[in-house]
Amino acid sequence: MLVIIPVFMYALFLDDLLRHTLDSQETALSTVWDYAVQDYPTPPKDPPESGPEPFNGFTGAQYFARLMYCDHESGLDSFGPGKGPECENDEGHHAEVSAHACWLNPGAQQVQCTLNQADPNGGGGGGPAGAYNVDLHQSYMDQFGKGGVIRCSARLGVQNYLLPKSFLQDFSQVGLARQTKKRSDGIHGNATGGDLQDDPRGLEGDVYLLPWERIAIVTDTWALTKAANQGPGTTNGEEDNLYVRLAQVYKNQDNAGYTQMSSAAEALVSQATQEVLNSAIRLDSMPPGDDPREPSLSIKPFPSSGGPVQTLDQNGGSASYFNSEWKDWDKDNNEATHDARGNNYLGCAQAESC
């Protein structure tokens, strides 16, 4: 009895602990991956009570995750008060035999996520990903880099409802477990009033804290979700358009070459209107294709078949051109890349041979 009964009880207790550990891991893991599919180009909506969001959906993703996992697992999802019992004070989801997990235990934490910050619970350093300390690069990041390193962490607390604190004291004085709780007192009430003590023997208090579950993901928010479709000599001021990003780099005040070129172009046109060009011509009235101070972008969605051909009007007619280096009449590396996607780099088995 001194051996077999405690071993049997411990087996039940450890089985519950292992399942609760998986629940905690699932909570942190699934939440951080939700950030891989957020609509980053869309500006944030009205800020929540916690303040402005760094990007659209940053607060919402973890908010809905906490609702999904308020009952510690994803099997029951009705998302909160008035829409289901599990996120209220219902204890129906507590069906374990010996160990009950709860976010309400002292020291536990429902899933929380941070952006470009250190985990407050010691889960790593902060700072944005990909910062090069270059002014031109940093200004681009500040305008378009709405994501970065996102860290999520969660921790469950567990209380014992089966193991006796001691067993057959007449024969053994060895403690077995932390204080046994009574289900009749209410599992949530027991968790809220839990006694957390740092005892290396694992006997004092009544709360077992599972290990922190921490995971991080780097989100590439420079990538665009909107297909680039831009004709030469036109502009597009939409925030999620490639033209805005091109203009930000081309016309940036940190781009010394642009400043020198811009002043030289203005001087050239001013002098030419006095000697060569029509005096009514003004640089500011020229379309982007003719005004060197404005970028002129030509890019179209890739067709389902053939090369990236674009038709342009010119000289009273039209002509077709490749809008990228699709064919360079030498190795045609871009075409080879398309034909061997996922297998090689630029169509070559070894990058050095290209």
Protein backbone atom coordinates (compact mmCIF):
# COMPACT_ATOMS: atom_id res chain seq x y z
CA MET A 1 0.00 0.00 0.00
CA LEU A 2 2.88 2.38 0.76
CA VAL A 3 4.15 1.96 -2.80
CA ILE A 4 1.41 0.79 -5.15
CA ILE A 5 -1.36 3.21 -4.15
CA PRO A 6 0.78 6.41 -4.30
CA VAL A 7 2.28 5.27 -7.62
CA PHE A 8 -1.20 4.69 -9.04
CA MET A 9 -2.39 8.11 -7.86
CA TYR A 10 0.72 9.83 -9.18
CA ALA A 11 0.18 8.20 -12.58
CA LEU A 12 -3.27 9.79 -12.78
CA PHE A 13 -1.90 13.13 -11.60
CA LEU A 14 0.99 13.14 -14.09
CA ASP A 15 -1.36 12.19 -16.92
CA ASP A 16 -3.41 15.33 -16.21
CA LEU A 17 -0.26 17.45 -15.93
CA LEU A 18 1.02 16.27 -19.32
CA ARG A 19 -2.27 17.09 -21.01
CA HIS A 20 -2.35 20.52 -19.37
CA THR A 21 1.19 21.15 -20.58
CA LEU A 22 0.07 20.40 -24.14
CA ASP A 23 -2.88 22.77 -23.67
CA SER A 24 -0.50 25.53 -22.60
CA GLN A 25 1.79 24.85 -25.56
CA GLU A 26 -1.12 24.92 -27.99
CA THR A 27 -2.28 28.27 -26.64
CA ALA A 28 1.04 30.04 -27.22
CA LEU A 29 1.90 28.27 -30.47
CA SER A 30 -1.41 28.83 -32.26
CA THR A 31 -1.65 32.46 -31.15
CA VAL A 32 1.73 33.52 -32.49
CA TRP A 33 1.04 31.86 -35.84
CA ASP A 34 -2.16 33.89 -36.16
CA TYR A 35 0.10 36.88 -36.76
CA ALA A 36 1.44 35.31 -39.95
CA VAL A 37 -1.87 36.01 -41.72
CA GLN A 38 -2.79 39.50 -40.50
CA ASP A 39 -3.66 42.23 -43.02
CA TYR A 40 -0.66 44.44 -42.34
CA PRO A 41 -1.14 47.04 -45.14
CA THR A 42 -4.60 47.99 -43.84
CA PRO A 43 -4.41 50.93 -41.40
CA PRO A 44 -5.53 50.14 -37.82
CA LYS A 45 -9.14 50.86 -36.96
CA ASP A 46 -10.30 52.75 -33.89
CA PRO A 47 -7.78 51.96 -31.13
CA PRO A 48 -8.94 49.73 -28.26
CA GLU A 49 -8.91 50.80 -24.65
CA SER A 50 -5.29 49.68 -24.37
CA GLY A 51 -4.19 52.38 -26.84
CA PRO A 52 -3.18 52.63 -30.50
CA GLU A 53 -2.28 49.43 -32.30
CA PRO A 54 1.07 49.04 -34.09
CA PHE A 55 -0.80 47.38 -36.95
CA ASN A 56 -4.33 46.29 -37.76
CA GLY A 57 -5.35 43.25 -35.69
CA PHE A 58 -2.43 43.19 -33.25
CA THR A 59 -4.67 43.46 -30.18
CA GLY A 60 -7.56 41.53 -31.72
CA ALA A 61 -5.53 38.42 -32.52
CA GLN A 62 -4.50 37.80 -28.93
CA TYR A 63 -7.89 38.93 -27.59
CA PHE A 64 -9.72 36.25 -29.57
CA ALA A 65 -7.05 33.71 -28.65
CA ARG A 66 -7.72 34.35 -24.97
CA LEU A 67 -11.42 33.80 -25.61
CA MET A 68 -10.73 30.59 -27.52
CA TYR A 69 -8.47 29.22 -24.79
CA CYS A 70 -10.30 30.58 -21.76
CA ASP A 71 -11.25 26.95 -21.06
CA HIS A 72 -7.62 25.88 -21.65
CA GLU A 73 -8.29 24.12 -24.97
CA SER A 74 -9.75 24.84 -28.40
CA GLY A 75 -12.52 22.26 -28.43
CA LEU A 76 -15.26 24.61 -27.18
CA ASP A 77 -15.32 27.97 -28.95
CA SER A 78 -18.26 30.30 -28.55
CA PHE A 79 -16.20 33.39 -27.75
CA GLY A 80 -17.27 34.93 -24.57
CA PRO A 81 -19.99 36.36 -22.36
CA GLY A 82 -23.50 35.88 -23.64
CA LYS A 83 -22.36 33.50 -26.38
CA GLY A 84 -21.45 30.45 -24.33
CA PRO A 85 -20.69 29.32 -20.77
CA GLU A 86 -17.02 28.40 -21.02
CA CYS A 87 -15.69 31.97 -20.84
CA GLU A 88 -17.96 32.87 -17.97
CA ASN A 89 -17.77 31.29 -14.51
CA ASP A 90 -18.86 27.88 -15.77
CA GLU A 91 -16.78 24.95 -14.52
CA GLY A 92 -18.16 22.33 -16.87
CA HIS A 93 -14.89 22.13 -18.77
CA HIS A 94 -13.09 20.97 -15.61
CA ALA A 95 -13.51 17.23 -16.12
CA GLU A 96 -10.07 15.97 -15.10
CA VAL A 97 -9.67 13.26 -12.50
CA SER A 98 -6.91 14.61 -10.29
CA ALA A 99 -5.36 17.90 -11.50
CA HIS A 100 -7.28 20.98 -12.64
CA ALA A 101 -5.56 23.75 -14.60
CA CYS A 102 -6.76 27.34 -14.49
CA TRP A 103 -5.56 30.73 -15.70
CA LEU A 104 -6.88 32.20 -12.43
CA ASN A 105 -4.14 30.62 -10.31
CA PRO A 106 -1.58 33.08 -8.91
CA GLY A 107 1.47 33.18 -11.16
CA ALA A 108 -0.47 31.93 -14.21
CA GLN A 109 -0.98 34.07 -17.29
CA GLN A 110 -3.29 33.85 -20.25
CA VAL A 111 -1.55 34.28 -23.57
CA GLN A 112 -0.01 37.73 -24.06
CA CYS A 113 1.98 38.97 -27.07
CA THR A 114 4.44 41.82 -27.55
CA LEU A 115 5.91 43.46 -30.65
CA ASN A 116 9.64 44.23 -30.80
CA GLN A 117 9.85 44.14 -27.02
CA ALA A 118 11.48 41.91 -24.46
CA ASP A 119 9.25 39.29 -22.88
CA PRO A 120 8.48 40.73 -19.41
CA ASN A 121 8.89 37.20 -18.06
CA GLY A 122 12.43 36.78 -19.30
CA GLY A 123 11.72 35.31 -22.72
CA GLY A 124 14.36 37.18 -24.74
CA GLY A 125 15.55 40.63 -25.77
CA GLY A 126 13.59 43.18 -27.74
CA GLY A 127 14.18 45.44 -30.69
CA PRO A 128 12.98 45.40 -34.29
CA ALA A 129 14.20 42.76 -36.71
CA GLY A 130 16.31 43.82 -39.66
CA ALA A 131 17.39 47.27 -38.44
CA TYR A 132 20.70 48.27 -40.08
CA ASN A 133 21.19 51.69 -38.49
CA VAL A 134 21.08 53.31 -41.96
CA ASP A 135 18.94 56.42 -42.26
CA LEU A 136 17.45 55.61 -45.67
CA HIS A 137 16.71 52.05 -44.64
CA GLN A 138 15.31 53.07 -41.25
CA SER A 139 12.95 55.66 -42.73
CA TYR A 140 11.51 52.94 -44.96
CA MET A 141 11.07 50.62 -41.97
CA ASP A 142 9.38 53.37 -39.96
CA GLN A 143 6.80 53.94 -42.69
CA PHE A 144 6.13 50.43 -43.95
CA GLY A 145 7.53 48.00 -41.35
CA LYS A 146 4.47 47.51 -39.16
CA GLY A 147 5.48 44.11 -37.81
CA GLY A 148 8.74 42.63 -36.61
CA VAL A 149 9.49 40.17 -33.81
CA ILE A 150 6.26 39.08 -32.14
CA ARG A 151 6.64 37.12 -28.90
CA CYS A 152 3.79 35.26 -27.22
CA SER A 153 3.88 33.62 -23.79
CA ALA A 154 1.43 31.73 -21.58
CA ARG A 155 1.56 29.82 -18.32
CA LEU A 156 -0.96 27.57 -16.61
CA GLY A 157 -1.35 26.92 -12.92
CA VAL A 158 -2.53 23.53 -11.64
CA GLN A 159 -4.04 22.44 -8.34
CA ASN A 160 -4.22 18.96 -6.86
CA TYR A 161 -7.64 17.35 -6.34
CA LEU A 162 -6.64 13.75 -5.69
CA LEU A 163 -3.20 13.20 -4.17
CA PRO A 164 -3.20 13.28 -0.37
CA LYS A 165 -0.61 15.52 1.19
CA SER A 166 0.49 12.53 3.24
CA PHE A 167 -0.39 8.84 3.18
CA LEU A 168 -0.43 6.32 6.05
CA GLN A 169 1.44 8.58 8.43
CA ASP A 170 1.78 5.79 10.96
CA PHE A 171 4.22 4.11 8.56
CA SER A 172 5.68 7.00 6.56
CA GLN A 173 6.33 10.68 7.31
CA VAL A 174 7.20 11.58 3.69
CA GLY A 175 4.99 14.21 2.07
CA LEU A 176 3.44 13.32 -1.26
CA ALA A 177 2.03 16.50 -2.75
CA ARG A 178 0.88 20.03 -2.22
CA GLN A 179 -2.37 20.72 -0.41
CA THR A 180 -5.37 18.78 -1.72
CA LYS A 181 -8.29 20.97 -2.84
CA LYS A 182 -11.98 20.14 -2.60
CA ARG A 183 -14.10 20.36 -5.72
CA SER A 184 -17.10 21.33 -3.60
CA ASP A 185 -15.36 24.65 -2.81
CA GLY A 186 -15.41 25.57 -6.50
CA ILE A 187 -12.47 25.10 -8.84
CA HIS A 188 -12.38 28.73 -9.94
CA GLY A 189 -12.69 29.91 -6.36
CA ASN A 190 -9.86 27.63 -5.30
CA ALA A 191 -7.69 28.94 -8.14
CA THR A 192 -8.37 32.58 -7.36
CA GLY A 193 -7.47 32.04 -3.72
CA GLY A 194 -4.54 29.77 -4.49
CA ASP A 195 -1.49 29.72 -2.26
CA LEU A 196 1.65 29.91 -4.40
CA GLN A 197 4.90 29.17 -2.58
CA ASP A 198 8.39 28.63 -3.95
CA ASP A 199 9.16 25.29 -2.36
CA PRO A 200 11.80 23.16 -4.12
CA ARG A 201 10.30 20.04 -2.53
CA GLY A 202 6.96 20.81 -4.14
CA LEU A 203 4.99 20.39 -0.91
CA GLU A 204 4.13 23.87 0.40
CA GLY A 205 1.18 25.85 -0.88
CA ASP A 206 -1.44 24.47 -3.24
CA VAL A 207 -0.44 25.67 -6.77
CA TYR A 208 1.80 23.91 -9.28
CA LEU A 209 2.99 26.30 -11.99
CA LEU A 210 3.70 24.68 -15.33
CA PRO A 211 6.74 25.95 -17.29
CA TRP A 212 6.42 29.14 -19.32
CA GLU A 213 5.46 28.51 -22.92
CA ARG A 214 7.23 31.07 -25.12
CA ILE A 215 7.45 31.33 -28.88
CA ALA A 216 8.35 34.10 -31.30
CA ILE A 217 7.80 34.75 -34.99
CA VAL A 218 9.30 37.31 -37.37
CA THR A 219 6.69 38.85 -39.65
CA ASP A 220 7.79 40.22 -43.02
CA THR A 221 5.41 43.15 -43.33
CA TRP A 222 7.34 44.67 -46.21
CA ALA A 223 5.70 42.12 -48.47
CA LEU A 224 2.55 43.35 -50.18
CA THR A 225 -0.75 41.49 -50.24
CA LYS A 226 -2.10 43.60 -53.10
CA ALA A 227 -1.01 42.66 -56.62
CA ALA A 228 1.23 45.29 -58.22
CA ASN A 229 -0.40 46.72 -61.34
CA GLN A 230 1.12 49.99 -62.47
CA GLY A 231 1.49 51.56 -65.90
CA PRO A 232 4.43 53.78 -66.84
CA GLY A 233 3.96 57.51 -66.49
CA THR A 234 1.21 57.21 -63.84
CA THR A 235 1.10 57.62 -60.07
CA ASN A 236 -0.74 55.80 -57.29
CA GLY A 237 -0.88 57.18 -53.78
CA GLU A 238 -2.52 54.20 -52.05
CA GLU A 239 -0.56 53.12 -49.00
CA ASP A 240 -0.52 49.43 -49.99
CA ASN A 241 0.69 50.13 -53.53
CA LEU A 242 4.20 49.45 -54.74
CA TYR A 243 4.47 52.94 -56.26
CA VAL A 244 4.33 54.58 -52.81
CA ARG A 245 7.20 52.43 -51.59
CA LEU A 246 9.27 53.15 -54.68
CA ALA A 247 8.68 56.89 -54.31
CA GLN A 248 9.62 56.78 -50.63
CA VAL A 249 13.08 55.41 -51.44
CA TYR A 250 13.62 57.37 -54.65
CA LYS A 251 12.60 60.77 -53.27
CA ASN A 252 13.85 60.33 -49.72
CA GLN A 253 15.74 63.30 -48.30
CA ASP A 254 18.52 60.92 -47.27
CA ASN A 255 19.05 60.04 -50.92
CA ALA A 256 21.74 62.60 -51.80
CA GLY A 257 21.74 61.59 -55.45
CA TYR A 258 18.08 62.50 -55.81
CA THR A 259 18.63 65.96 -54.31
CA GLN A 260 21.47 66.71 -56.71
CA MET A 261 19.58 65.35 -59.73
CA SER A 262 16.40 67.23 -58.86
CA SER A 263 18.07 70.64 -58.68
CA ALA A 264 20.02 69.95 -61.89
CA ALA A 265 16.85 68.91 -63.74
CA GLU A 266 15.03 72.06 -62.67
CA ALA A 267 17.94 74.22 -63.83
CA LEU A 268 18.11 72.40 -67.18
CA VAL A 269 14.43 72.81 -67.94
CA SER A 270 14.49 76.46 -66.86
CA GLN A 271 17.37 77.19 -69.21
CA ALA A 272 15.93 75.10 -72.06
CA THR A 273 12.61 76.96 -72.01
CA GLN A 274 14.54 80.14 -72.72
CA GLU A 275 16.55 78.75 -75.62
CA VAL A 276 15.14 75.44 -76.93
CA LEU A 277 11.81 74.40 -75.40
CA ASN A 278 8.46 76.13 -75.52
CA SER A 279 8.39 78.82 -72.85
CA ALA A 280 5.05 77.44 -71.57
CA ILE A 281 6.59 74.12 -70.55
CA ARG A 282 6.89 73.62 -66.81
CA LEU A 283 8.55 70.69 -65.07
CA ASP A 284 5.76 70.46 -62.51
CA SER A 285 3.18 69.90 -65.26
CA MET A 286 4.98 66.92 -66.81
CA PRO A 287 3.76 63.36 -66.14
CA PRO A 288 6.03 61.08 -64.06
CA GLY A 289 7.40 59.50 -67.22
CA ASP A 290 8.82 62.85 -68.32
CA ASP A 291 9.60 64.44 -64.96
CA PRO A 292 12.83 62.88 -63.64
CA ARG A 293 11.96 64.00 -60.12
CA GLU A 294 9.07 61.51 -60.03
CA PRO A 295 9.52 57.72 -60.28
CA SER A 296 7.95 56.01 -63.28
CA LEU A 297 7.00 52.42 -62.51
CA SER A 298 5.93 49.77 -64.98
CA ILE A 299 4.78 46.46 -63.53
CA LYS A 300 1.87 44.16 -64.34
CA PRO A 301 0.57 40.90 -62.86
CA PHE A 302 2.28 37.84 -64.23
CA PRO A 303 0.15 36.15 -66.94
CA SER A 304 -0.93 32.54 -66.62
CA SER A 305 1.21 31.57 -69.59
CA GLY A 306 4.15 33.07 -71.44
CA GLY A 307 6.49 35.77 -70.20
CA PRO A 308 5.65 39.01 -68.35
CA VAL A 309 4.77 40.95 -71.49
CA GLN A 310 3.36 44.48 -71.30
CA THR A 311 1.93 46.45 -74.21
CA LEU A 312 2.80 50.14 -74.45
CA ASP A 313 1.42 52.82 -76.76
CA GLN A 314 4.12 54.60 -78.73
CA ASN A 315 4.62 56.38 -82.05
CA GLY A 316 0.97 56.17 -83.00
CA GLY A 317 0.83 52.42 -82.38
CA SER A 318 1.72 49.86 -79.74
CA ALA A 319 4.58 47.51 -78.95
CA SER A 320 5.11 44.68 -76.47
CA TYR A 321 7.98 44.49 -74.02
CA PHE A 322 9.08 42.27 -71.14
CA ASN A 323 8.59 44.30 -67.95
CA SER A 324 11.48 42.47 -66.24
CA GLU A 325 14.73 40.86 -67.35
CA TRP A 326 12.75 37.84 -68.49
CA LYS A 327 14.96 37.26 -71.49
CA ASP A 328 18.44 38.72 -71.59
CA TRP A 329 19.36 36.70 -74.69
CA ASP A 330 22.19 35.06 -72.80
CA LYS A 331 21.15 32.77 -69.98
CA ASP A 332 17.55 33.91 -69.40
CA ASN A 333 17.96 33.41 -65.64
CA ASN A 334 14.57 34.89 -64.71
CA GLU A 335 12.77 32.54 -67.06
CA ALA A 336 14.81 29.62 -65.75
CA THR A 337 13.91 30.61 -62.18
CA HIS A 338 10.22 30.51 -63.02
CA ASP A 339 10.55 27.13 -64.69
CA ALA A 340 12.49 25.65 -61.76
CA ARG A 341 10.73 27.32 -58.83
CA GLY A 342 11.53 25.74 -55.48
CA ASN A 343 14.39 23.65 -56.85
CA ASN A 344 17.31 25.92 -57.65
CA TYR A 345 18.57 29.46 -57.31
CA LEU A 346 18.08 31.45 -60.55
CA GLY A 347 17.62 28.20 -62.41
CA CYS A 348 21.10 26.92 -61.47
CA ALA A 349 21.82 23.93 -59.30
CA GLN A 350 24.75 25.85 -57.81
CA ALA A 351 24.49 29.62 -57.36
CA GLU A 352 28.20 30.11 -58.11
CA SER A 353 27.78 28.73 -61.62
CA CYS A 354 25.15 31.26 -62.67
